[in-house]
């Protein structure tokens, strides 16, 4: 595997043709970081915008341009994040559904010339015009021959699941000099730039495909059901934690009865502990605090009201730290400067450390350099005044509007 290699002539020509056919995608096409991968027999992209290619690929230039167009659609539609929001998602199945979503939109375009047979909704016995999530939820038991890009094998850009050939390029690293790639923040900037280019092109020429017009509108004017997204993130994290089974000698295994002189450990799954750090600094408005408290109630219900949830009321200091069973039990004191690190440190210092840490803030705070030993979800409250750019890469971020 060779990083930052110079693309072979046919791939350079394919990228140029793709840029010529869909000029508003140029910023994304040249943001892709080439990684030569012998024996791949296809082209793949990971969610850090690395372009894996086989130098011996024999596709014609039109086929390469089409595949690059398909891959850009995965990245623009943010399929990796969408796959992560599905509880216990089957990556291979979601990749097929994501391909069907894209190919349904692009296959009728005159510039699209496939090097292989792409997957279409009819191949998974479904109708046209649905989203990948809808195809996935209705996915029948059908056998799909995974051929290459566009037919179920697009790389982690399609489903977030790291492929074997990506093992030397960690998809969550954001890129280093050894394993180049772009960070999630940079990726969002590229998406926004492309969306603006699409809008400008449509206004001046009027020749942008309808599906890209809709996508640009969604990127420039997002209408996200943040309640659903936050709930999905909490459920996904809970399921991940519960799946971490381990052995314990505190309860003997039922199989011990077959071995009278041997004590065998039993298998257990952890019960997820959740804690909330609530920002009550001076930069948080009253309306934003109401939104934050509403989310505290929602998290408490998700985690089970019987157990309650520890809430750390924090500005530049922790003013209250107690387990609550309702948001009404939280003491809202503070109003000073902002440093969520003190609340995080306090939450992680207790004996029963949380597996999941939910931080409700406007983002105007310093963050720990090293990730806490817990899953972290940041719920940004405060509408348009929030600071998402400062949020650490180890956290899942949901904007609460």
Protein backbone atom coordinates (compact mmCIF):
# COMPACT_ATOMS: atom_id res chain seq x y z
CA UNK A 1 0.00 0.00 0.00
CA UNK A 2 1.44 3.36 -1.07
CA UNK A 3 0.07 6.62 0.34
CA UNK A 4 -0.27 9.91 -1.57
CA UNK A 5 0.68 8.19 -4.81
CA UNK A 6 0.34 9.73 -8.25
CA UNK A 7 -2.74 8.34 -9.98
CA UNK A 8 -2.22 6.28 -13.16
CA UNK A 9 -3.15 8.05 -16.39
CA UNK A 10 -6.52 6.32 -16.79
CA UNK A 11 -7.55 7.30 -13.25
CA UNK A 12 -6.34 10.86 -13.75
CA UNK A 13 -8.35 11.02 -16.95
CA UNK A 14 -11.39 9.53 -15.18
CA UNK A 15 -11.19 12.11 -12.42
CA UNK A 16 -10.85 14.91 -15.00
CA UNK A 17 -13.85 13.58 -16.94
CA UNK A 18 -15.90 13.33 -13.74
CA UNK A 19 -14.98 16.92 -12.92
CA UNK A 20 -15.91 17.98 -16.46
CA UNK A 21 -19.28 16.17 -16.34
CA UNK A 22 -20.15 17.35 -12.83
CA UNK A 23 -17.98 20.48 -12.27
CA UNK A 24 -19.61 21.37 -8.96
CA UNK A 25 -18.03 18.20 -7.47
CA UNK A 26 -14.47 19.27 -8.31
CA UNK A 27 -13.52 20.35 -4.78
CA UNK A 28 -14.49 16.92 -3.48
CA UNK A 29 -12.75 15.01 -6.27
CA UNK A 30 -9.46 16.77 -5.62
CA UNK A 31 -9.89 16.44 -1.84
CA UNK A 32 -9.69 12.63 -2.22
CA UNK A 33 -6.31 11.33 -1.02
CA UNK A 34 -4.99 8.57 -3.37
CA UNK A 35 -3.79 5.31 -1.83
CA UNK A 36 -2.37 2.72 -4.24
CA UNK A 37 -3.65 -0.74 -3.28
CA UNK A 38 -2.48 -3.55 -5.55
CA UNK A 39 -4.89 -6.44 -6.01
CA UNK A 40 -7.98 -4.42 -5.03
CA UNK A 41 -9.47 -4.82 -8.55
CA UNK A 42 -11.73 -1.83 -7.97
CA UNK A 43 -11.90 1.70 -6.52
CA UNK A 44 -12.97 2.38 -2.93
CA UNK A 45 -13.24 5.40 -0.67
CA UNK A 46 -13.23 5.51 3.12
CA UNK A 47 -15.02 8.04 5.28
CA UNK A 48 -11.84 10.08 5.72
CA UNK A 49 -11.90 10.69 1.94
CA UNK A 50 -9.02 8.37 1.06
CA UNK A 51 -9.25 6.99 -2.48
CA UNK A 52 -8.04 3.37 -2.71
CA UNK A 53 -7.31 2.17 -6.23
CA UNK A 54 -5.73 -0.77 -8.01
CA UNK A 55 -2.97 0.50 -10.35
CA UNK A 56 -3.74 -2.43 -12.69
CA UNK A 57 -7.41 -1.47 -13.06
CA UNK A 58 -8.51 -1.80 -16.71
CA UNK A 59 -11.82 0.10 -16.63
CA UNK A 60 -12.27 2.67 -19.38
CA UNK A 61 -12.21 6.38 -18.57
CA UNK A 62 -16.01 6.75 -18.67
CA UNK A 63 -16.42 3.86 -16.23
CA UNK A 64 -13.90 5.36 -13.82
CA UNK A 65 -15.65 8.76 -14.00
CA UNK A 66 -18.99 7.11 -13.19
CA UNK A 67 -17.56 5.20 -10.23
CA UNK A 68 -15.97 8.38 -8.84
CA UNK A 69 -19.34 10.13 -9.23
CA UNK A 70 -20.98 7.26 -7.33
CA UNK A 71 -18.36 7.43 -4.56
CA UNK A 72 -18.78 11.19 -4.19
CA UNK A 73 -22.50 10.60 -3.66
CA UNK A 74 -21.72 8.27 -0.73
CA UNK A 75 -19.56 10.96 0.87
CA UNK A 76 -21.99 13.81 0.19
CA UNK A 77 -24.92 11.82 1.56
CA UNK A 78 -22.87 10.95 4.67
CA UNK A 79 -23.76 7.26 4.53
CA UNK A 80 -21.20 6.21 7.22
CA UNK A 81 -22.87 8.36 9.88
CA UNK A 82 -26.32 7.24 8.77
CA UNK A 83 -25.26 3.59 9.09
CA UNK A 84 -23.97 4.25 12.61
CA UNK A 85 -27.42 5.52 13.61
CA UNK A 86 -28.98 2.13 12.84
CA UNK A 87 -29.01 -0.17 15.84
CA UNK A 88 -26.89 -3.30 15.19
CA UNK A 89 -26.50 -2.37 11.54
CA UNK A 90 -25.35 -5.03 9.08
CA UNK A 91 -22.69 -3.06 7.13
CA UNK A 92 -22.79 -5.23 4.00
CA UNK A 93 -26.58 -4.99 3.79
CA UNK A 94 -26.53 -1.23 4.37
CA UNK A 95 -23.88 -0.81 1.66
CA UNK A 96 -26.21 -2.54 -0.80
CA UNK A 97 -29.10 -0.28 0.26
CA UNK A 98 -26.92 2.85 0.04
CA UNK A 99 -25.86 1.80 -3.48
CA UNK A 100 -29.51 1.30 -4.46
CA UNK A 101 -30.37 4.78 -3.14
CA UNK A 102 -27.60 6.39 -5.23
CA UNK A 103 -27.89 4.31 -8.39
CA UNK A 104 -31.64 4.87 -8.57
CA UNK A 105 -30.88 8.61 -8.79
CA UNK A 106 -27.89 8.63 -11.14
CA UNK A 107 -28.33 5.72 -13.57
CA UNK A 108 -30.65 7.65 -15.90
CA UNK A 109 -28.10 10.46 -16.40
CA UNK A 110 -26.55 10.52 -19.86
CA UNK A 111 -22.97 10.81 -18.56
CA UNK A 112 -23.25 7.67 -16.39
CA UNK A 113 -21.51 4.66 -18.02
CA UNK A 114 -21.03 1.78 -15.56
CA UNK A 115 -17.99 -0.54 -15.77
CA UNK A 116 -20.04 -3.28 -14.03
CA UNK A 117 -23.72 -3.96 -13.41
CA UNK A 118 -24.92 -1.69 -10.57
CA UNK A 119 -27.44 -2.60 -7.89
CA UNK A 120 -30.84 -0.98 -8.39
CA UNK A 121 -33.91 -1.04 -6.10
CA UNK A 122 -35.54 -3.72 -8.28
CA UNK A 123 -32.61 -6.04 -7.49
CA UNK A 124 -33.61 -6.01 -3.82
CA UNK A 125 -37.31 -6.24 -4.71
CA UNK A 126 -38.12 -2.66 -3.74
CA UNK A 127 -39.52 0.41 -5.44
CA UNK A 128 -37.56 3.43 -6.62
CA UNK A 129 -37.19 6.70 -4.78
CA UNK A 130 -36.55 5.53 -1.22
CA UNK A 131 -33.69 6.27 1.19
CA UNK A 132 -31.08 3.70 2.18
CA UNK A 133 -32.64 3.44 5.64
CA UNK A 134 -36.03 2.62 4.10
CA UNK A 135 -34.54 -0.02 1.82
CA UNK A 136 -32.67 -1.46 4.81
CA UNK A 137 -35.74 -1.67 7.04
CA UNK A 138 -37.67 -3.50 4.30
CA UNK A 139 -34.74 -5.55 3.02
CA UNK A 140 -35.93 -8.98 1.90
CA UNK A 141 -33.80 -12.10 1.98
CA UNK A 142 -32.29 -11.86 -1.48
CA UNK A 143 -28.91 -13.00 -2.76
CA UNK A 144 -26.85 -10.18 -4.26
CA UNK A 145 -23.62 -10.87 -6.08
CA UNK A 146 -21.16 -8.26 -4.77
CA UNK A 147 -19.09 -7.31 -7.82
CA UNK A 148 -17.47 -3.94 -7.15
CA UNK A 149 -18.32 -0.29 -6.60
CA UNK A 150 -22.01 0.40 -7.15
CA UNK A 151 -22.94 -3.18 -6.37
CA UNK A 152 -22.29 -3.56 -2.67
CA UNK A 153 -18.54 -3.03 -2.15
CA UNK A 154 -17.74 0.68 -1.98
CA UNK A 155 -15.52 0.90 1.10
CA UNK A 156 -16.26 2.46 4.46
CA UNK A 157 -17.66 5.58 2.75
CA UNK A 158 -20.86 3.55 2.28
CA UNK A 159 -21.40 2.07 5.73
CA UNK A 160 -18.58 3.14 8.08
CA UNK A 161 -17.27 -0.43 8.32
CA UNK A 162 -13.49 -0.56 7.85
CA UNK A 163 -12.36 -2.84 5.00
CA UNK A 164 -9.26 -5.10 5.22
CA UNK A 165 -7.35 -2.92 2.74
CA UNK A 166 -8.08 0.10 4.94
CA UNK A 167 -6.43 -1.44 8.01
CA UNK A 168 -3.29 0.69 7.68
CA UNK A 169 -5.33 3.86 7.34
CA UNK A 170 -7.49 4.19 10.51
CA UNK A 171 -10.81 5.66 9.44
CA UNK A 172 -11.27 7.55 12.71
CA UNK A 173 -7.83 9.12 12.83
CA UNK A 174 -8.64 12.16 10.72
CA UNK A 175 -5.38 11.73 8.84
CA UNK A 176 -1.68 11.97 9.63
CA UNK A 177 1.42 12.45 7.50
CA UNK A 178 1.69 8.66 7.26
CA UNK A 179 -2.00 7.97 6.64
CA UNK A 180 -3.42 11.05 4.92
CA UNK A 181 -7.10 11.84 4.99
CA UNK A 182 -9.36 14.70 5.98
CA UNK A 183 -11.02 15.28 9.33
CA UNK A 184 -14.81 15.25 9.88
CA UNK A 185 -14.78 19.05 10.18
CA UNK A 186 -12.88 19.39 6.89
CA UNK A 187 -15.28 16.92 5.27
CA UNK A 188 -18.25 19.05 6.35
CA UNK A 189 -16.56 22.13 4.86
CA UNK A 190 -16.05 20.34 1.54
CA UNK A 191 -19.70 19.18 1.53
CA UNK A 192 -20.86 22.72 2.20
CA UNK A 193 -18.63 24.11 -0.56
CA UNK A 194 -19.96 21.56 -3.05
CA UNK A 195 -23.55 22.31 -2.02
CA UNK A 196 -22.97 26.02 -2.66
CA UNK A 197 -21.41 25.21 -6.06
CA UNK A 198 -24.46 23.11 -6.94
CA UNK A 199 -26.81 25.93 -5.96
CA UNK A 200 -24.83 28.50 -7.97
CA UNK A 201 -24.68 26.22 -11.02
CA UNK A 202 -28.42 25.57 -10.91
CA UNK A 203 -29.13 29.29 -10.63
CA UNK A 204 -26.89 30.11 -13.61
CA UNK A 205 -27.24 27.07 -15.90
CA UNK A 206 -30.21 25.10 -14.58
CA UNK A 207 -28.64 21.75 -15.55
CA UNK A 208 -28.02 20.13 -12.15
CA UNK A 209 -29.75 16.74 -11.58
CA UNK A 210 -32.74 17.01 -9.25
CA UNK A 211 -31.28 14.64 -6.66
CA UNK A 212 -28.19 16.85 -6.29
CA UNK A 213 -30.36 19.96 -6.01
CA UNK A 214 -32.25 18.31 -3.13
CA UNK A 215 -28.99 17.22 -1.51
CA UNK A 216 -27.53 20.73 -1.71
CA UNK A 217 -30.68 22.15 -0.16
CA UNK A 218 -30.43 19.68 2.72
CA UNK A 219 -26.75 20.49 3.31
CA UNK A 220 -27.20 24.27 3.15
CA UNK A 221 -30.49 24.26 5.08
CA UNK A 222 -30.45 21.12 7.20
CA UNK A 223 -33.70 19.99 8.78
CA UNK A 224 -32.55 17.30 11.16
CA UNK A 225 -34.86 15.58 13.61
CA UNK A 226 -32.35 16.04 16.42
CA UNK A 227 -34.57 14.28 18.95
CA UNK A 228 -34.56 11.16 16.81
CA UNK A 229 -30.82 11.53 16.17
CA UNK A 230 -29.98 11.96 19.86
CA UNK A 231 -32.16 8.99 20.78
CA UNK A 232 -30.47 6.90 18.08
CA UNK A 233 -27.02 7.85 19.35
CA UNK A 234 -27.94 6.91 22.92
CA UNK A 235 -29.51 3.61 21.83
CA UNK A 236 -26.56 2.78 19.57
CA UNK A 237 -24.07 3.46 22.36
CA UNK A 238 -26.10 1.50 24.90
CA UNK A 239 -26.26 -1.49 22.57
CA UNK A 240 -22.52 -1.30 21.98
CA UNK A 241 -21.82 -1.25 25.73
CA UNK A 242 -24.25 -4.09 26.45
CA UNK A 243 -22.54 -6.18 23.79
CA UNK A 244 -19.23 -6.12 25.65
CA UNK A 245 -19.72 -9.41 27.44
CA UNK A 246 -17.19 -10.69 29.93
CA UNK A 247 -16.69 -13.53 32.41
CA UNK A 248 -17.27 -13.27 36.16
CA UNK A 249 -16.64 -15.62 39.07
CA UNK A 250 -19.19 -13.77 41.23
CA UNK A 251 -21.83 -16.02 39.74
CA UNK A 252 -20.84 -19.58 38.80
CA UNK A 253 -21.66 -20.91 35.38
CA UNK A 254 -24.54 -23.40 35.08
CA UNK A 255 -22.05 -25.69 33.37
CA UNK A 256 -20.18 -26.03 36.69
CA UNK A 257 -22.64 -28.76 37.69
CA UNK A 258 -21.04 -30.99 35.07
CA UNK A 259 -17.60 -30.42 36.59
CA UNK A 260 -18.02 -30.80 40.41
CA UNK A 261 -14.42 -29.92 41.26
CA UNK A 262 -14.10 -26.96 38.86
CA UNK A 263 -15.69 -23.53 39.26
CA UNK A 264 -16.46 -22.06 35.86
CA UNK A 265 -17.18 -18.34 35.39
CA UNK A 266 -20.52 -17.14 34.08
CA UNK A 267 -20.95 -14.79 31.16
CA UNK A 268 -22.32 -11.33 31.97
CA UNK A 269 -23.04 -8.18 30.00
CA UNK A 270 -22.49 -4.79 31.65
CA UNK A 271 -25.43 -2.61 32.62
CA UNK A 272 -24.57 0.76 31.04
CA UNK A 273 -23.97 3.53 33.54
CA UNK A 274 -24.85 6.99 32.20
CA UNK A 275 -23.92 10.42 33.51
CA UNK A 276 -24.86 13.91 32.33
CA UNK A 277 -22.76 17.07 32.51
CA UNK A 278 -25.07 20.11 32.21
CA UNK A 279 -23.61 23.48 31.22
CA UNK A 280 -25.10 26.34 33.26
CA UNK A 281 -22.50 28.98 32.37
CA UNK A 282 -23.34 32.59 31.60
CA UNK A 283 -23.33 31.97 27.83
CA UNK A 284 -26.35 29.63 28.10
CA UNK A 285 -29.72 31.37 27.66
CA UNK A 286 -32.85 30.47 29.59
CA UNK A 287 -34.48 28.94 26.50
CA UNK A 288 -31.39 26.84 25.85
CA UNK A 289 -31.44 25.57 29.43
CA UNK A 290 -35.08 24.56 29.01
CA UNK A 291 -34.05 22.56 25.93
CA UNK A 292 -31.22 21.02 27.91
CA UNK A 293 -33.49 20.02 30.76
CA UNK A 294 -35.94 18.47 28.32
CA UNK A 295 -33.12 16.33 26.98
CA UNK A 296 -32.11 15.33 30.52
CA UNK A 297 -35.64 14.01 31.00
CA UNK A 298 -35.41 12.13 27.72
CA UNK A 299 -32.10 10.52 28.64
CA UNK A 300 -33.41 9.52 32.05
CA UNK A 301 -36.35 7.77 30.42
CA UNK A 302 -34.02 6.04 27.94
CA UNK A 303 -31.73 4.80 30.71
CA UNK A 304 -34.50 3.59 32.98
CA UNK A 305 -36.15 5.84 35.54
CA UNK A 306 -35.72 3.20 38.24
CA UNK A 307 -31.97 3.76 38.39
CA UNK A 308 -31.81 7.51 37.94
CA UNK A 309 -28.93 9.37 36.29
CA UNK A 310 -26.09 11.36 37.92
CA UNK A 311 -26.19 14.98 36.73
CA UNK A 312 -23.21 17.33 37.18
CA UNK A 313 -24.30 20.98 37.04
CA UNK A 314 -21.21 22.81 35.79
CA UNK A 315 -19.91 26.17 34.64
CA UNK A 316 -16.23 26.68 35.59
CA UNK A 317 -16.90 24.55 38.68
CA UNK A 318 -19.25 21.74 39.62
CA UNK A 319 -22.11 23.28 41.63
CA UNK A 320 -24.26 20.19 42.03
CA UNK A 321 -23.62 16.48 41.62
CA UNK A 322 -26.42 14.09 42.40
CA UNK A 323 -28.48 11.29 40.97
CA UNK A 324 -31.87 12.47 39.75
CA UNK A 325 -35.01 10.73 38.56
CA UNK A 326 -36.52 13.83 36.92
CA UNK A 327 -35.17 17.09 35.50
CA UNK A 328 -37.23 18.88 38.14
CA UNK A 329 -34.77 17.61 40.77
CA UNK A 330 -31.79 19.44 39.20
CA UNK A 331 -30.53 22.51 41.07
CA UNK A 332 -29.70 25.17 38.47
CA UNK A 333 -26.96 27.22 40.10
CA UNK A 334 -23.97 28.81 38.41
CA UNK A 335 -23.82 31.34 35.58
CA UNK A 336 -20.08 31.98 35.54
CA UNK A 337 -17.34 30.99 33.10
CA UNK A 338 -17.30 27.73 31.17
CA UNK A 339 -15.09 24.69 31.55
CA UNK A 340 -16.81 21.36 30.95
CA UNK A 341 -13.54 19.58 31.76
CA UNK A 342 -14.21 19.95 35.48
CA UNK A 343 -17.62 18.32 35.13
CA UNK A 344 -16.18 15.53 33.01
CA UNK A 345 -13.37 14.94 35.51
CA UNK A 346 -15.89 14.83 38.36
CA UNK A 347 -18.13 12.37 36.51
CA UNK A 348 -15.18 10.07 35.74
CA UNK A 349 -13.80 10.20 39.29
CA UNK A 350 -16.62 8.26 40.96
CA UNK A 351 -16.37 4.58 41.85
CA UNK A 352 -19.07 3.45 39.41
CA UNK A 353 -17.67 5.21 36.37
CA UNK A 354 -20.11 5.94 33.52
CA UNK A 355 -19.94 3.99 30.30
CA UNK A 356 -21.78 6.81 28.54
CA UNK A 357 -21.20 10.51 29.19
CA UNK A 358 -23.71 13.02 27.78
CA UNK A 359 -22.59 16.66 27.82
CA UNK A 360 -25.27 19.30 27.26
CA UNK A 361 -23.61 22.60 26.35
CA UNK A 362 -23.37 25.37 23.76
CA UNK A 363 -19.83 24.26 22.93
CA UNK A 364 -18.03 27.39 24.13
CA UNK A 365 -15.72 25.47 26.44
CA UNK A 366 -12.30 23.83 26.46
CA UNK A 367 -12.36 20.03 26.11
CA UNK A 368 -10.11 17.28 27.49
CA UNK A 369 -7.26 16.54 25.08
CA UNK A 370 -7.50 12.82 25.79
CA UNK A 371 -10.82 11.05 25.39
CA UNK A 372 -12.49 10.02 28.68
CA UNK A 373 -12.72 6.28 29.22
CA UNK A 374 -16.39 6.39 28.26
CA UNK A 375 -18.48 6.94 25.16
CA UNK A 376 -19.16 10.67 24.78
CA UNK A 377 -22.20 12.36 23.23
CA UNK A 378 -22.33 16.16 23.06
CA UNK A 379 -25.80 17.71 22.78
CA UNK A 380 -25.29 21.29 21.57
CA UNK A 381 -27.99 23.64 22.81
CA UNK A 382 -28.44 27.29 21.90
CA UNK A 383 -29.60 27.19 18.26
CA UNK A 384 -27.42 29.09 15.80
CA UNK A 385 -25.07 30.41 18.49
CA UNK A 386 -23.50 27.02 19.26
CA UNK A 387 -19.82 26.25 18.63
CA UNK A 388 -19.63 22.86 16.92
CA UNK A 389 -16.11 23.45 15.56
CA UNK A 390 -14.51 23.11 18.98
CA UNK A 391 -16.05 19.71 19.75
CA UNK A 392 -13.48 16.89 20.01
CA UNK A 393 -13.34 14.19 17.34
CA UNK A 394 -13.85 11.41 19.93
CA UNK A 395 -17.41 12.61 20.65
CA UNK A 396 -20.68 12.15 18.80
CA UNK A 397 -22.20 15.60 18.31
CA UNK A 398 -25.94 16.33 18.00
CA UNK A 399 -27.20 19.89 17.47
CA UNK A 400 -30.34 20.56 19.52
CA UNK A 401 -32.48 23.27 17.90
